[in-house]
Amino acid sequence: MNDINNEVQIIAYEPQYKEAFRALNEEWIRNFFVMESGDYKLLDHPEEHILDKGGHIAFALLNGEAVGTCALVKNSDEPLIFELSKMAVSPKAQGKKIGYLLGNTLIEKAKELKAEKVFLETNSILVPAIKLYEKLGFKHMPVTNAGYDRVDVQMELDLKNGL
C-alpha cells in the first residue's frame, strides 16, 4: 500500500513531538473553526491533561516527520471510557490513510485497556472525517454536553458489546 519512500510509521507520544501535536491541531482547527479554551488546555499541556490522566497520544511519521496526530483522552474510570480527540493530519500528507491508521491504533489501545466505549465529537461540515469515523465503526448518537461550541455531531464505538 505504501511505497518505500512514503512509509507511514505510527508511534506513541514522545516529548520531542509536543510542538507538532499543537501545530498540527492548531493548523487544522483554524482552517475550519476558532480555537477554544479546551483546545488550548489540551494542546498546551498534553502531558498534564492527557497522558498523566491515563490517556495516550499517537503520531504518524512520514519520512521521520510528524505529519499526523490523535489523542485518546480518558473520560471516566468506571466504566472505562475514552474520547478520541485532536485528530489532525497535515494537508501535505492527506490521502495516505493516516487518519485511519491513527484512529485504528488508538481504538486498539482502548480495547487493550478494556475500555467499554470510545466517543468523539466533531462537526457536520467535516464530511470526510465523519466517513472515516464511520469506517472505524463509530455510530452516531444524540449530542449531549458537547465539549466545544463547534460540536454538532457525537459518535461512539461500543467496545463492550462488540462492533
Protein backbone atom coordinates (compact mmCIF):
# COMPACT_ATOMS: atom_id res chain seq x y z
CA MET A 1 0.00 0.00 0.00
CA ASN A 2 2.78 2.47 0.85
CA ASP A 3 5.74 2.77 -1.42
CA ILE A 4 9.11 2.54 0.26
CA ASN A 5 9.71 6.32 0.21
CA ASN A 6 6.35 7.17 1.76
CA GLU A 7 6.14 4.69 4.57
CA VAL A 8 3.96 5.91 7.41
CA GLN A 9 5.04 4.89 10.89
CA ILE A 10 2.66 5.20 13.88
CA ILE A 11 4.41 5.87 17.18
CA ALA A 12 3.41 6.71 20.75
CA TYR A 13 3.91 10.19 22.17
CA GLU A 14 7.46 11.37 22.70
CA PRO A 15 8.24 14.80 24.23
CA GLN A 16 10.10 15.86 21.09
CA TYR A 17 6.75 15.84 19.24
CA LYS A 18 4.88 18.05 21.73
CA GLU A 19 5.13 21.09 19.44
CA ALA A 20 3.95 19.03 16.46
CA PHE A 21 0.87 17.96 18.47
CA ARG A 22 -0.05 21.61 18.95
CA ALA A 23 0.96 22.83 15.47
CA LEU A 24 -0.89 20.11 13.55
CA ASN A 25 -4.07 20.60 15.57
CA GLU A 26 -3.97 24.38 15.58
CA GLU A 27 -3.50 24.46 11.80
CA TRP A 28 -6.44 22.11 11.33
CA ILE A 29 -8.77 23.84 13.82
CA ARG A 30 -8.05 27.33 12.48
CA ASN A 31 -8.71 26.12 8.95
CA PHE A 32 -12.36 25.41 9.84
CA PHE A 33 -13.14 26.97 13.24
CA VAL A 34 -11.67 29.10 16.02
CA MET A 35 -9.52 27.84 18.86
CA GLU A 36 -11.45 27.43 22.13
CA SER A 37 -10.24 27.28 25.73
CA GLY A 38 -10.49 23.47 25.74
CA ASP A 39 -8.19 23.35 22.70
CA TYR A 40 -5.53 25.44 24.41
CA LYS A 41 -5.75 23.34 27.57
CA LEU A 42 -5.05 20.05 25.76
CA LEU A 43 -2.66 21.40 23.15
CA ASP A 44 -0.52 23.48 25.51
CA HIS A 45 -0.30 20.80 28.21
CA PRO A 46 -0.76 17.34 26.64
CA GLU A 47 1.29 15.57 29.30
CA GLU A 48 -0.69 17.06 32.17
CA HIS A 49 -4.19 16.87 30.66
CA ILE A 50 -3.96 13.69 28.55
CA LEU A 51 -1.01 11.43 29.35
CA ASP A 52 -0.81 11.90 33.14
CA LYS A 53 -4.55 11.14 33.38
CA GLY A 54 -4.25 7.77 31.66
CA GLY A 55 -4.64 8.90 28.06
CA HIS A 56 -2.48 8.29 25.01
CA ILE A 57 -1.27 10.28 22.03
CA ALA A 58 -0.16 8.75 18.74
CA PHE A 59 1.79 10.32 15.91
CA ALA A 60 2.10 9.42 12.26
CA LEU A 61 5.61 9.90 10.94
CA LEU A 62 6.27 10.17 7.22
CA ASN A 63 9.95 10.00 6.39
CA GLY A 64 10.67 10.83 10.03
CA GLU A 65 8.44 13.93 10.15
CA ALA A 66 5.31 14.12 12.34
CA VAL A 67 2.50 14.66 9.82
CA GLY A 68 -0.46 13.45 11.86
CA THR A 69 -1.59 13.00 15.42
CA CYS A 70 -4.54 11.87 17.51
CA ALA A 71 -5.25 11.54 21.22
CA LEU A 72 -7.16 9.08 23.36
CA VAL A 73 -8.37 11.12 26.34
CA LYS A 74 -9.63 9.25 29.41
CA ASN A 75 -13.17 10.36 30.19
CA SER A 76 -14.02 8.05 33.11
CA ASP A 77 -12.62 5.07 35.02
CA GLU A 78 -15.79 3.19 35.94
CA PRO A 79 -16.78 2.34 33.30
CA LEU A 80 -13.56 2.99 31.39
CA ILE A 81 -14.47 5.41 28.59
CA PHE A 82 -12.14 7.34 26.30
CA GLU A 83 -12.64 10.20 23.89
CA LEU A 84 -10.93 10.05 20.51
CA SER A 85 -9.75 13.63 20.24
CA LYS A 86 -7.41 16.03 18.49
CA MET A 87 -7.02 14.11 15.25
CA ALA A 88 -5.12 16.20 12.75
CA VAL A 89 -3.24 15.36 9.56
CA SER A 90 -1.06 17.84 7.70
CA PRO A 91 -2.55 18.84 4.33
CA LYS A 92 0.67 17.67 2.65
CA ALA A 93 0.11 14.13 3.99
CA GLN A 94 -3.61 13.75 3.39
CA GLY A 95 -4.78 10.89 1.20
CA LYS A 96 -2.35 8.40 2.74
CA LYS A 97 -4.89 6.83 5.13
CA ILE A 98 -3.09 8.44 8.09
CA GLY A 99 -6.32 9.34 9.91
CA TYR A 100 -7.48 5.74 9.64
CA LEU A 101 -4.13 4.40 10.87
CA LEU A 102 -4.11 6.78 13.85
CA GLY A 103 -7.74 6.11 14.77
CA ASN A 104 -7.36 2.36 14.45
CA THR A 105 -4.17 2.37 16.55
CA LEU A 106 -5.91 4.22 19.38
CA ILE A 107 -9.06 2.08 19.19
CA GLU A 108 -6.84 -0.99 19.54
CA LYS A 109 -5.19 0.68 22.54
CA ALA A 110 -8.62 1.29 24.11
CA LYS A 111 -9.54 -2.38 23.56
CA GLU A 112 -6.24 -3.49 25.10
CA LEU A 113 -7.05 -1.35 28.16
CA LYS A 114 -10.50 -3.00 28.37
CA ALA A 115 -12.40 0.23 27.72
CA GLU A 116 -16.16 -0.07 27.32
CA LYS A 117 -16.57 2.82 24.88
CA VAL A 118 -14.75 5.39 22.83
CA PHE A 119 -16.65 8.50 21.82
CA LEU A 120 -15.81 11.54 19.75
CA GLU A 121 -17.12 14.99 18.97
CA THR A 122 -16.95 16.65 15.57
CA ASN A 123 -18.83 18.97 13.24
CA SER A 124 -21.15 18.07 10.38
CA ILE A 125 -19.15 20.15 7.85
CA LEU A 126 -16.28 17.67 8.23
CA VAL A 127 -17.81 15.04 5.97
CA PRO A 128 -14.54 13.17 5.20
CA ALA A 129 -13.80 12.93 8.94
CA ILE A 130 -17.29 11.60 9.70
CA LYS A 131 -16.94 9.00 6.93
CA LEU A 132 -13.60 7.97 8.44
CA TYR A 133 -15.16 7.58 11.90
CA GLU A 134 -18.00 5.51 10.42
CA LYS A 135 -15.42 3.31 8.69
CA LEU A 136 -13.71 2.84 12.08
CA GLY A 137 -17.05 1.59 13.46
CA PHE A 138 -18.36 4.68 15.26
CA LYS A 139 -22.15 5.16 15.39
CA HIS A 140 -23.99 8.46 15.57
CA MET A 141 -25.61 9.41 18.87
CA PRO A 142 -27.56 12.45 20.12
CA VAL A 143 -25.39 15.44 21.02
CA THR A 144 -25.21 15.98 24.78
CA ASN A 145 -22.80 18.02 26.92
CA ALA A 146 -20.61 18.96 23.97
CA GLY A 147 -17.10 19.99 24.98
CA TYR A 148 -16.77 22.66 22.29
CA ASP A 149 -19.07 25.26 20.71
CA ARG A 150 -18.34 23.81 17.24
CA VAL A 151 -19.64 20.32 18.11
CA ASP A 152 -22.85 19.28 16.38
CA VAL A 153 -22.02 15.58 15.89
CA GLN A 154 -21.21 13.00 18.56
CA MET A 155 -20.37 9.40 17.81
CA GLU A 156 -19.44 6.37 19.89
CA LEU A 157 -17.86 2.99 19.50
CA ASP A 158 -19.18 0.34 21.86
CA LEU A 159 -16.26 -1.94 22.68
CA LYS A 160 -18.04 -3.93 25.38
CA ASN A 161 -20.90 -5.22 23.24
CA GLY A 162 -18.96 -5.73 20.04
CA LEU A 163 -18.78 -3.62 16.92
